[in-house]
Protein backbone atom coordinates (compact mmCIF):
# COMPACT_ATOMS: atom_id res chain seq x y z
CA UNK A 1 -1.56 -10.89 -3.30
CA UNK A 2 1.86 -8.84 -1.65
CA UNK A 3 1.11 -6.25 -4.22
CA UNK A 4 -2.14 -5.90 -3.30
CA UNK A 5 -1.13 -5.44 0.39
CA UNK A 6 1.18 -2.88 -0.09
CA UNK A 7 -1.13 -1.03 -2.24
CA UNK A 8 -4.04 -1.41 0.42
CA UNK A 9 -1.67 -0.65 3.43
CA UNK A 10 -0.35 2.55 2.02
CA UNK A 11 -3.71 4.21 1.50
CA UNK A 12 -5.73 5.75 4.38
CA UNK A 13 -9.08 4.78 5.20
CA UNK A 14 -10.52 4.60 8.68
CA UNK A 15 -14.18 3.93 9.83
CA UNK A 16 -16.48 5.61 8.10
CA UNK A 17 -14.10 6.97 5.80
CA UNK A 18 -12.89 3.92 3.92
CA UNK A 19 -13.98 5.10 0.28
CA UNK A 20 -10.20 4.98 -0.98
CA UNK A 21 -9.77 1.39 0.07
CA UNK A 22 -13.13 0.51 -1.34
CA UNK A 23 -12.16 2.36 -4.70
CA UNK A 24 -9.11 0.32 -5.02
CA UNK A 25 -10.31 -3.02 -4.06
CA UNK A 26 -13.55 -2.37 -6.61
CA UNK A 27 -10.92 -1.31 -9.46
CA UNK A 28 -9.28 -4.88 -8.72
CA UNK A 29 -12.14 -7.09 -8.71
CA UNK A 30 -14.83 -5.60 -10.95
CA UNK A 31 -14.06 -7.81 -13.88
CA UNK A 32 -13.77 -10.90 -11.93
CA UNK A 33 -16.98 -10.95 -10.10
CA UNK A 34 -20.69 -9.26 -9.36
CA UNK A 35 -20.57 -6.71 -6.82
CA UNK A 36 -22.47 -4.03 -5.07
CA UNK A 37 -22.10 -1.18 -2.54
CA UNK A 38 -24.83 -1.14 0.43
CA UNK A 39 -25.82 2.19 2.08
CA UNK A 40 -23.38 1.67 4.78
CA UNK A 41 -20.38 1.28 2.31
CA UNK A 42 -19.77 -2.46 2.37
CA UNK A 43 -18.45 -4.05 -1.01
CA UNK A 44 -20.42 -7.64 -1.31
CA UNK A 45 -19.54 -9.66 -3.98
CA UNK A 46 -20.50 -12.66 -5.44
CA UNK A 47 -17.81 -14.94 -7.66
CA UNK A 48 -19.47 -17.93 -9.71
CA UNK A 49 -17.34 -21.27 -9.27
CA UNK A 50 -17.27 -24.49 -11.28
CA UNK A 51 -19.95 -25.78 -9.30
CA UNK A 52 -22.77 -24.31 -7.57
CA UNK A 53 -22.42 -24.30 -3.23
CA UNK A 54 -24.49 -26.73 -1.43
CA UNK A 55 -24.22 -23.92 1.49
CA UNK A 56 -24.09 -20.78 0.87
CA UNK A 57 -20.33 -19.27 2.27
CA UNK A 58 -19.28 -16.09 2.87
CA UNK A 59 -15.76 -14.68 3.40
CA UNK A 60 -15.18 -11.55 5.21
CA UNK A 61 -12.55 -8.74 5.72
CA UNK A 62 -12.93 -5.53 7.09
CA UNK A 63 -11.46 -2.36 5.25
CA UNK A 64 -11.15 0.62 8.03
CA UNK A 65 -7.82 0.77 9.94
CA UNK A 66 -7.48 2.51 13.40
CA UNK A 67 -6.77 6.26 13.39
CA UNK A 68 -7.00 9.62 15.21
CA UNK A 69 -9.93 12.11 14.98
CA UNK A 70 -9.41 15.97 15.65
CA UNK A 71 -11.43 17.22 18.59
CA UNK A 72 -10.39 20.82 18.83
CA UNK A 73 -8.15 23.29 17.42
CA UNK A 74 -6.05 24.79 20.48
CA UNK A 75 -5.01 28.41 20.66
CA UNK A 76 -1.16 27.64 19.79
CA UNK A 77 -2.41 25.78 16.33
CA UNK A 78 -1.93 22.54 18.01
CA UNK A 79 -4.85 19.97 17.79
CA UNK A 80 -6.29 17.59 20.32
CA UNK A 81 -7.59 13.89 19.24
CA UNK A 82 -9.08 10.94 20.31
CA UNK A 83 -8.94 7.47 18.84
CA UNK A 84 -11.16 5.67 16.00
CA UNK A 85 -10.69 1.95 17.25
CA UNK A 86 -8.32 1.06 19.85
CA UNK A 87 -5.36 2.43 19.88
CA UNK A 88 -2.83 2.49 22.93
CA UNK A 89 -1.74 6.15 23.60
CA UNK A 90 1.73 5.39 24.42
CA UNK A 91 2.65 3.87 20.61
CA UNK A 92 1.93 7.20 19.07
CA UNK A 93 3.85 9.81 20.96
CA UNK A 94 6.64 11.27 18.98
CA UNK A 95 5.08 9.70 15.69
CA UNK A 96 4.76 11.21 12.15
CA UNK A 97 0.87 11.46 11.05
CA UNK A 98 -0.82 13.01 8.12
CA UNK A 99 -3.86 15.26 9.04
CA UNK A 100 -6.80 15.80 7.02
CA UNK A 101 -7.89 14.96 3.42
CA UNK A 102 -4.73 16.56 2.33
CA UNK A 103 -2.63 14.98 4.47
CA UNK A 104 -0.69 17.44 5.85
CA UNK A 105 2.38 16.41 7.49
CA UNK A 106 2.52 16.26 11.60
CA UNK A 107 3.96 14.84 14.69
CA UNK A 108 2.09 13.61 17.74
CA UNK A 109 3.36 15.67 20.89
CA UNK A 110 3.29 15.26 24.70
CA UNK A 111 4.31 17.23 27.72
CA UNK A 112 8.32 17.23 28.15
CA UNK A 113 9.03 14.74 30.29
CA UNK A 114 10.82 16.84 32.87
CA UNK A 115 7.33 18.91 33.14
CA UNK A 116 5.74 15.68 34.15
CA UNK A 117 4.86 15.32 38.00
CA UNK A 118 6.16 11.70 40.00
CA UNK A 119 2.06 10.56 39.26
CA UNK A 120 2.29 11.32 35.73
CA UNK A 121 5.66 9.61 35.01
CA UNK A 122 4.32 6.60 36.53
CA UNK A 123 1.02 6.09 34.65
CA UNK A 124 0.38 5.58 31.04
CA UNK A 125 -0.57 8.58 28.93
CA UNK A 126 -3.94 9.37 28.20
CA UNK A 127 -5.15 10.27 24.50
CA UNK A 128 -6.34 13.50 26.32
CA UNK A 129 -2.72 14.47 27.17
CA UNK A 130 -1.11 14.19 23.72
CA UNK A 131 -1.57 16.88 20.40
CA UNK A 132 -1.12 17.04 17.06
CA UNK A 133 1.48 19.64 15.86
CA UNK A 134 1.41 20.24 11.90
CA UNK A 135 3.23 23.64 12.42
CA UNK A 136 0.48 26.23 12.21
CA UNK A 137 1.17 29.55 13.90
CA UNK A 138 -2.29 29.84 16.18
CA UNK A 139 -5.87 28.84 15.93
CA UNK A 140 -6.69 31.13 13.38
CA UNK A 141 -3.68 29.89 10.83
CA UNK A 142 -4.81 26.06 11.96
CA UNK A 143 -8.30 26.87 10.87
CA UNK A 144 -7.06 27.36 7.33
CA UNK A 145 -6.59 23.92 6.93
CA UNK A 146 -8.15 21.77 9.80
CA UNK A 147 -11.46 21.49 11.54
CA UNK A 148 -12.76 19.54 14.25
CA UNK A 149 -13.74 15.84 12.90
CA UNK A 150 -10.53 15.49 10.17
CA UNK A 151 -8.82 12.46 10.59
CA UNK A 152 -5.29 11.91 11.30
CA UNK A 153 -3.35 8.73 10.05
CA UNK A 154 -0.03 7.05 11.01
CA UNK A 155 2.53 7.98 8.27
CA UNK A 156 4.20 4.49 7.83
CA UNK A 157 6.07 3.05 4.88
CA UNK A 158 5.66 -0.68 3.78
CA UNK A 159 9.02 -2.05 4.43
CA UNK A 160 9.95 -5.94 3.90
CA UNK A 161 13.10 -6.72 6.40
CA UNK A 162 14.60 -9.72 8.14
CA UNK A 163 13.33 -13.11 7.31
CA UNK A 164 10.19 -12.83 5.21
CA UNK A 165 9.06 -10.11 7.65
CA UNK A 166 6.95 -7.04 6.24
CA UNK A 167 5.93 -3.94 8.33
CA UNK A 168 3.61 -1.54 7.63
CA UNK A 169 0.40 0.22 9.07
CA UNK A 170 -2.99 -0.87 9.14
CA UNK A 171 -2.28 -4.60 8.04
CA UNK A 172 -5.26 -5.10 10.31
CA UNK A 173 -6.95 -5.60 8.07
CA UNK A 174 -5.82 -4.73 4.72
CA UNK A 175 -4.29 -8.16 4.61
CA UNK A 176 -7.73 -9.75 4.79
CA UNK A 177 -8.86 -7.44 2.17
CA UNK A 178 -5.75 -8.82 0.02
CA UNK A 179 -6.50 -12.28 0.25
CA UNK A 180 -10.13 -11.88 -0.65
CA UNK A 181 -8.86 -10.13 -3.53
CA UNK A 182 -6.75 -12.82 -4.51
CA UNK A 183 -9.14 -15.54 -3.96
CA UNK A 184 -11.92 -13.66 -6.07
CA UNK A 185 -9.22 -13.27 -9.07
CA UNK A 186 -8.91 -16.95 -8.83
CA UNK A 187 -10.64 -19.79 -10.42
CA UNK A 188 -13.01 -21.52 -7.45
CA UNK A 189 -14.28 -24.56 -7.06
CA UNK A 190 -17.37 -23.36 -5.58
CA UNK A 191 -19.66 -20.21 -5.93
CA UNK A 192 -18.52 -17.97 -2.93
CA UNK A 193 -19.84 -14.17 -1.32
CA UNK A 194 -17.14 -12.13 -0.26
CA UNK A 195 -17.89 -9.14 1.75
CA UNK A 196 -15.13 -6.30 2.29
CA UNK A 197 -16.93 -4.40 5.69
CA UNK A 198 -16.92 -0.98 7.14
CA UNK A 199 -16.64 0.33 10.87
CA UNK A 200 -15.20 -3.10 12.19
CA UNK A 201 -12.75 -0.67 14.56
CA UNK A 202 -15.61 0.90 16.20
CA UNK A 203 -18.30 -1.76 16.67
CA UNK A 204 -18.31 -4.69 13.84
CA UNK A 205 -21.05 -2.50 12.48
CA UNK A 206 -20.69 -3.08 8.88
CA UNK A 207 -20.30 -6.91 9.16
CA UNK A 208 -23.69 -6.76 10.94
CA UNK A 209 -25.88 -5.14 7.79
CA UNK A 210 -23.43 -7.21 5.35
CA UNK A 211 -24.19 -10.83 7.00
CA UNK A 212 -28.02 -10.05 6.81
CA UNK A 213 -27.72 -9.16 3.39
CA UNK A 214 -26.02 -12.19 2.44
CA UNK A 215 -27.58 -14.44 4.95
CA UNK A 216 -25.12 -17.21 4.72
CA UNK A 217 -24.93 -20.72 6.03
CA UNK A 218 -21.24 -20.56 7.02
CA UNK A 219 -18.58 -17.59 7.16
CA UNK A 220 -14.94 -17.07 7.29
CA UNK A 221 -13.58 -13.86 9.02
CA UNK A 222 -10.12 -13.15 7.51
CA UNK A 223 -8.29 -11.24 9.93
CA UNK A 224 -5.11 -10.64 11.89
CA UNK A 225 -4.43 -11.12 15.45
CA UNK A 226 -2.02 -10.27 18.09
CA UNK A 227 1.26 -12.21 18.44
CA UNK A 228 3.17 -11.47 21.87
CA UNK A 229 5.83 -13.64 21.02
CA UNK A 230 8.35 -11.72 22.43
CA UNK A 231 11.37 -12.15 25.22
CA UNK A 232 9.86 -12.09 28.62
CA UNK A 233 6.13 -13.47 27.43
CA UNK A 234 5.52 -17.02 27.62
CA UNK A 235 2.68 -19.30 27.92
CA UNK A 236 -0.98 -18.85 26.65
CA UNK A 237 -0.04 -14.95 27.09
CA UNK A 238 2.04 -15.22 23.98
CA UNK A 239 -1.11 -15.50 21.98
CA UNK A 240 0.31 -16.96 18.63
CA UNK A 241 3.72 -16.92 17.08
CA UNK A 242 5.05 -15.32 14.10
CA UNK A 243 6.33 -18.27 11.33
CA UNK A 244 3.84 -20.82 12.99
CA UNK A 245 1.09 -20.47 10.24
CA UNK A 246 -2.44 -19.23 10.20
CA UNK A 247 -4.22 -19.05 13.54
CA UNK A 248 -7.48 -20.79 14.39
CA UNK A 249 -9.84 -19.17 17.46
CA UNK A 250 -11.81 -21.54 19.61
CA UNK A 251 -12.99 -18.57 21.31
CA UNK A 252 -12.60 -14.69 22.01
CA UNK A 253 -14.23 -11.74 23.76
CA UNK A 254 -17.34 -11.53 21.12
CA UNK A 255 -17.40 -15.08 19.61
CA UNK A 256 -17.47 -18.57 20.73
CA UNK A 257 -16.24 -20.42 17.20
CA UNK A 258 -17.98 -23.58 15.74
CA UNK A 259 -16.24 -26.57 17.63
CA UNK A 260 -16.72 -28.56 14.13
CA UNK A 261 -15.31 -25.98 11.98
CA UNK A 262 -12.59 -25.67 14.63
CA UNK A 263 -11.74 -29.20 14.46
CA UNK A 264 -12.22 -29.52 10.57
CA UNK A 265 -9.26 -26.51 10.37
CA UNK A 266 -6.74 -28.55 12.04
CA UNK A 267 -7.35 -31.96 9.90
CA UNK A 268 -7.70 -29.96 6.64
CA UNK A 269 -4.10 -28.30 7.68
CA UNK A 270 -2.42 -31.70 8.42
CA UNK A 271 -4.22 -33.26 5.15
CA UNK A 272 -3.14 -30.03 3.16
CA UNK A 273 0.31 -29.49 4.64
CA UNK A 274 -0.76 -26.45 6.01
CA UNK A 275 0.94 -24.62 8.75
CA UNK A 276 -1.53 -23.36 11.73
CA UNK A 277 -1.52 -22.78 15.08
CA UNK A 278 -4.46 -21.63 17.95
CA UNK A 279 -4.76 -18.64 19.56
CA UNK A 280 -3.80 -19.04 23.32
CA UNK A 281 -5.67 -16.84 24.82
CA UNK A 282 -9.21 -15.50 25.11
CA UNK A 283 -9.03 -12.02 23.89
CA UNK A 284 -10.20 -9.49 21.50
CA UNK A 285 -12.52 -9.88 18.95
CA UNK A 286 -13.49 -9.36 14.99
CA UNK A 287 -16.17 -9.60 12.86
CA UNK A 288 -17.36 -13.06 13.80
CA UNK A 289 -18.95 -11.38 16.83
CA UNK A 290 -21.74 -9.78 14.57
CA UNK A 291 -21.65 -12.25 11.51
CA UNK A 292 -22.34 -15.37 13.69
CA UNK A 293 -25.56 -14.34 15.59
CA UNK A 294 -27.10 -12.63 12.08
CA UNK A 295 -30.20 -13.79 11.12
CA UNK A 296 -31.01 -17.32 12.19
CA UNK A 297 -27.41 -17.97 13.09
CA UNK A 298 -24.33 -18.42 11.26
CA UNK A 299 -21.82 -20.83 11.67
CA UNK A 300 -18.60 -19.26 11.64
CA UNK A 301 -14.63 -19.65 11.82
CA UNK A 302 -11.88 -16.81 11.80
CA UNK A 303 -8.64 -17.30 10.14
CA UNK A 304 -6.17 -14.69 11.12
CA UNK A 305 -2.72 -13.66 10.26
CA UNK A 306 -0.36 -13.39 13.59
CA UNK A 307 0.82 -10.18 13.80
CA UNK A 308 3.30 -8.07 16.33
CA UNK A 309 2.79 -4.24 17.69
CA UNK A 310 -1.19 -4.34 15.97
CA UNK A 311 -3.06 -1.20 15.97
CA UNK A 312 0.39 0.63 15.91
CA UNK A 313 1.98 2.41 12.64
CA UNK A 314 4.33 -0.57 12.75
CA UNK A 315 2.71 -3.92 12.50
CA UNK A 316 4.72 -6.73 11.60
CA UNK A 317 3.74 -9.91 10.01
CA UNK A 318 5.52 -12.77 8.52
CA UNK A 319 4.95 -13.73 4.45
CA UNK A 320 4.96 -17.40 5.22
CA UNK A 321 2.28 -17.10 7.58
CA UNK A 322 -0.13 -15.02 5.19
CA UNK A 323 0.37 -17.57 2.62
CA UNK A 324 -0.67 -20.13 4.94
CA UNK A 325 -3.73 -17.84 5.82
CA UNK A 326 -4.76 -17.76 2.11
CA UNK A 327 -4.06 -21.77 1.87
CA UNK A 328 -6.13 -22.34 4.70
CA UNK A 329 -8.98 -20.28 3.93
CA UNK A 330 -9.04 -21.59 0.51
CA UNK A 331 -9.42 -25.51 1.47
CA UNK A 332 -12.19 -24.61 4.38
CA UNK A 333 -14.43 -22.45 1.63
CA UNK A 334 -14.43 -25.86 -0.35
CA UNK A 335 -14.99 -27.94 2.65
CA UNK A 336 -18.00 -25.40 4.03
CA UNK A 337 -19.41 -25.16 0.19
CA UNK A 338 -19.69 -28.78 0.27
CA UNK A 339 -20.63 -29.84 3.54
């Protein structure tokens, strides 16, 4: 799973541009399941288990990552950009990035601090105030290599450090993808459907069509979620903590989760000695928001890995938490399939 996670995090694929991620996943699962790709670009896979499931269970992870998109080329050859997905502009200033299909090296710049007005210094930067510099001499030179609509990705290495920590871009949600790949390659007790979906970061779009196609009874959304377990943050504002296991949500901004499944997750965790915790702040959202209201309604639960610095070039997770997520999803799948 961790080898797949590393490979996936080093690939570039934002919303609507998931081709490289999709090709990699297909290369890993094609000998272990049946699969198809729908018109939107989702992978929909079916894995035969030892037994036929009493209920149709769908496991979902999204393939896209947050990124920037070129909106114009300026006279000096620098690029204006906007965000694809939710990115805090302050986390990208001064960062190394890769521009376009050829991955041209570049940096994200902003107005020099001594040129900022008092009011500008006191407020957070806006994406419209930033630019990408890839060394072009002027607009004419830049247009030889870049056009509006080209994607700008974070340049970030996959690094293991400290006590079981991993740092990389795009752990949201390449971890979910790596976990589903591992499950597909494993021997399952029951039949299951797996969806690797597109365009989650811009509105849960791929999950809408994937859930419609599968029409499941139950769904497990495999995700990452914000951990704010740092000095000076306390109580529910920490959201969740690294090292405390898989995160089970009772509610976020797109879903009120199935109460029976929420309770069952903690009962299964205790019975199987799996570390888990709850998400203590009602914030954010994931593909559950689209899946649980699909068709006649789908009983849905999200299992997330706690992640510091989400949607940044340097997401940080704990390997032990990722293992806990894998074990949690596995026992939940077996319970849902047999309910």
